[in-house]
Amino acid sequence: MKNFTESIVNFLKEEDGPTAVEYAVMLALIVVVCLASVGTIGTNANAKFEAVGTAIGN
């Protein structure tokens, strides 16, 4: 158990990997890209549905 505790403490003290701030920035960028792509897909789908609706109505 002592070795496990020491390994956890050593892991938390290491500064080699990305920090929480870097993870937050990456997450924010991923969210922005997802929102932009969903908005674009929604706009294109709406235009296609309107075109099909117009074609059926005529």
N, C-alpha and C. Protein backbone atom coordinates (compact mmCIF):
# COMPACT_ATOMS: atom_id res chain seq x y z
N MET A 1 0.83 -1.20 0.00
CA MET A 1 0.00 0.00 0.00
C MET A 1 0.87 1.25 0.00
N LYS A 2 2.00 1.17 0.67
CA LYS A 2 2.90 2.33 0.74
C LYS A 2 3.44 2.67 -0.65
N ASN A 3 3.78 1.62 -1.42
CA ASN A 3 4.29 1.86 -2.77
C ASN A 3 3.22 2.51 -3.66
N PHE A 4 1.99 2.06 -3.50
CA PHE A 4 0.89 2.64 -4.28
C PHE A 4 0.72 4.11 -3.95
N THR A 5 0.76 4.44 -2.67
CA THR A 5 0.61 5.84 -2.24
C THR A 5 1.76 6.68 -2.76
N GLU A 6 2.97 6.14 -2.68
CA GLU A 6 4.13 6.89 -3.17
C GLU A 6 4.05 7.11 -4.68
N SER A 7 3.57 6.11 -5.41
CA SER A 7 3.46 6.27 -6.86
C SER A 7 2.41 7.32 -7.23
N ILE A 8 1.33 7.38 -6.46
CA ILE A 8 0.31 8.41 -6.70
C ILE A 8 0.88 9.80 -6.43
N VAL A 9 1.60 9.94 -5.33
CA VAL A 9 2.18 11.24 -4.99
C VAL A 9 3.20 11.65 -6.05
N ASN A 10 4.03 10.71 -6.50
CA ASN A 10 5.02 11.03 -7.53
C ASN A 10 4.35 11.42 -8.83
N PHE A 11 3.26 10.74 -9.18
CA PHE A 11 2.53 11.08 -10.40
C PHE A 11 1.98 12.49 -10.33
N LEU A 12 1.44 12.87 -9.17
CA LEU A 12 0.86 14.21 -9.04
C LEU A 12 1.93 15.29 -9.02
N LYS A 13 3.14 14.96 -8.61
CA LYS A 13 4.22 15.96 -8.57
C LYS A 13 4.89 16.16 -9.92
N GLU A 14 4.77 15.19 -10.83
CA GLU A 14 5.41 15.31 -12.14
C GLU A 14 4.81 16.47 -12.92
N GLU A 15 5.67 17.15 -13.66
CA GLU A 15 5.23 18.29 -14.46
C GLU A 15 5.53 18.06 -15.94
N ASP A 16 5.72 16.82 -16.33
CA ASP A 16 6.07 16.52 -17.72
C ASP A 16 4.87 16.61 -18.65
N GLY A 17 3.73 16.18 -18.20
CA GLY A 17 2.55 16.11 -19.06
C GLY A 17 1.81 17.43 -19.11
N PRO A 18 0.73 17.45 -19.89
CA PRO A 18 -0.09 18.66 -19.99
C PRO A 18 -0.76 19.00 -18.66
N THR A 19 -0.94 20.25 -18.44
CA THR A 19 -1.58 20.70 -17.21
C THR A 19 -3.08 20.80 -17.41
N ALA A 20 -3.79 21.07 -16.35
CA ALA A 20 -5.25 21.19 -16.43
C ALA A 20 -5.65 22.35 -17.34
N VAL A 21 -4.85 23.41 -17.36
CA VAL A 21 -5.17 24.56 -18.21
C VAL A 21 -5.09 24.16 -19.68
N GLU A 22 -4.07 23.38 -20.03
CA GLU A 22 -3.94 22.95 -21.41
C GLU A 22 -5.10 22.04 -21.81
N TYR A 23 -5.52 21.18 -20.89
CA TYR A 23 -6.67 20.34 -21.17
C TYR A 23 -7.93 21.19 -21.36
N ALA A 24 -8.09 22.22 -20.56
CA ALA A 24 -9.26 23.09 -20.68
C ALA A 24 -9.25 23.83 -22.03
N VAL A 25 -8.09 24.27 -22.47
CA VAL A 25 -8.00 24.96 -23.76
C VAL A 25 -8.33 24.00 -24.90
N MET A 26 -7.80 22.78 -24.84
CA MET A 26 -8.12 21.80 -25.87
C MET A 26 -9.61 21.48 -25.89
N LEU A 27 -10.20 21.33 -24.71
CA LEU A 27 -11.63 21.05 -24.63
C LEU A 27 -12.45 22.19 -25.22
N ALA A 28 -12.06 23.43 -24.91
CA ALA A 28 -12.78 24.59 -25.45
C ALA A 28 -12.70 24.62 -26.97
N LEU A 29 -11.53 24.32 -27.52
CA LEU A 29 -11.39 24.31 -28.98
C LEU A 29 -12.23 23.20 -29.61
N ILE A 30 -12.27 22.05 -28.98
CA ILE A 30 -13.08 20.95 -29.50
C ILE A 30 -14.56 21.33 -29.48
N VAL A 31 -15.00 21.97 -28.41
CA VAL A 31 -16.40 22.38 -28.29
C VAL A 31 -16.75 23.40 -29.38
N VAL A 32 -15.85 24.35 -29.62
CA VAL A 32 -16.10 25.37 -30.65
C VAL A 32 -16.22 24.72 -32.03
N VAL A 33 -15.33 23.79 -32.34
CA VAL A 33 -15.37 23.12 -33.63
C VAL A 33 -16.65 22.30 -33.77
N CYS A 34 -17.04 21.61 -32.70
CA CYS A 34 -18.27 20.80 -32.74
C CYS A 34 -19.49 21.69 -32.95
N LEU A 35 -19.57 22.80 -32.25
CA LEU A 35 -20.71 23.70 -32.41
C LEU A 35 -20.77 24.28 -33.81
N ALA A 36 -19.63 24.65 -34.34
CA ALA A 36 -19.60 25.22 -35.68
C ALA A 36 -20.03 24.18 -36.72
N SER A 37 -19.55 22.97 -36.57
CA SER A 37 -19.91 21.94 -37.55
C SER A 37 -21.38 21.55 -37.44
N VAL A 38 -21.91 21.48 -36.24
CA VAL A 38 -23.34 21.17 -36.07
C VAL A 38 -24.20 22.28 -36.66
N GLY A 39 -23.79 23.52 -36.47
CA GLY A 39 -24.52 24.65 -37.06
C GLY A 39 -24.52 24.61 -38.56
N THR A 40 -23.38 24.29 -39.15
CA THR A 40 -23.28 24.21 -40.61
C THR A 40 -24.12 23.06 -41.16
N ILE A 41 -24.02 21.91 -40.51
CA ILE A 41 -24.81 20.75 -40.96
C ILE A 41 -26.30 21.04 -40.83
N GLY A 42 -26.70 21.70 -39.74
CA GLY A 42 -28.10 22.04 -39.56
C GLY A 42 -28.62 23.00 -40.61
N THR A 43 -27.81 23.98 -40.96
CA THR A 43 -28.21 24.94 -41.99
C THR A 43 -28.35 24.26 -43.34
N ASN A 44 -27.38 23.40 -43.67
CA ASN A 44 -27.45 22.69 -44.95
C ASN A 44 -28.64 21.73 -44.99
N ALA A 45 -28.91 21.05 -43.90
CA ALA A 45 -30.04 20.13 -43.86
C ALA A 45 -31.36 20.88 -43.98
N ASN A 46 -31.46 22.02 -43.33
CA ASN A 46 -32.67 22.82 -43.41
C ASN A 46 -32.92 23.28 -44.85
N ALA A 47 -31.87 23.72 -45.52
CA ALA A 47 -32.02 24.15 -46.91
C ALA A 47 -32.47 22.99 -47.80
N LYS A 48 -31.92 21.80 -47.57
CA LYS A 48 -32.30 20.64 -48.37
C LYS A 48 -33.76 20.24 -48.11
N PHE A 49 -34.18 20.27 -46.84
CA PHE A 49 -35.58 19.95 -46.53
C PHE A 49 -36.54 20.95 -47.15
N GLU A 50 -36.17 22.22 -47.16
CA GLU A 50 -37.02 23.23 -47.79
C GLU A 50 -37.10 23.01 -49.29
N ALA A 51 -35.98 22.63 -49.91
CA ALA A 51 -35.98 22.38 -51.36
C ALA A 51 -36.87 21.18 -51.69
N VAL A 52 -36.77 20.13 -50.88
CA VAL A 52 -37.61 18.95 -51.12
C VAL A 52 -39.08 19.28 -50.88
N GLY A 53 -39.37 20.05 -49.84
CA GLY A 53 -40.74 20.45 -49.57
C GLY A 53 -41.34 21.28 -50.67
N THR A 54 -40.53 22.17 -51.22
CA THR A 54 -40.99 22.99 -52.34
C THR A 54 -41.23 22.14 -53.58
N ALA A 55 -40.34 21.20 -53.84
CA ALA A 55 -40.49 20.32 -55.01
C ALA A 55 -41.73 19.45 -54.87
N ILE A 56 -42.01 18.98 -53.68
CA ILE A 56 -43.20 18.14 -53.47
C ILE A 56 -44.48 18.99 -53.59
N GLY A 57 -44.42 20.21 -53.11
CA GLY A 57 -45.58 21.10 -53.15
C GLY A 57 -45.97 21.51 -54.55
N ASN A 58 -45.00 21.54 -55.45
CA ASN A 58 -45.30 21.95 -56.82
C ASN A 58 -45.77 20.77 -57.56
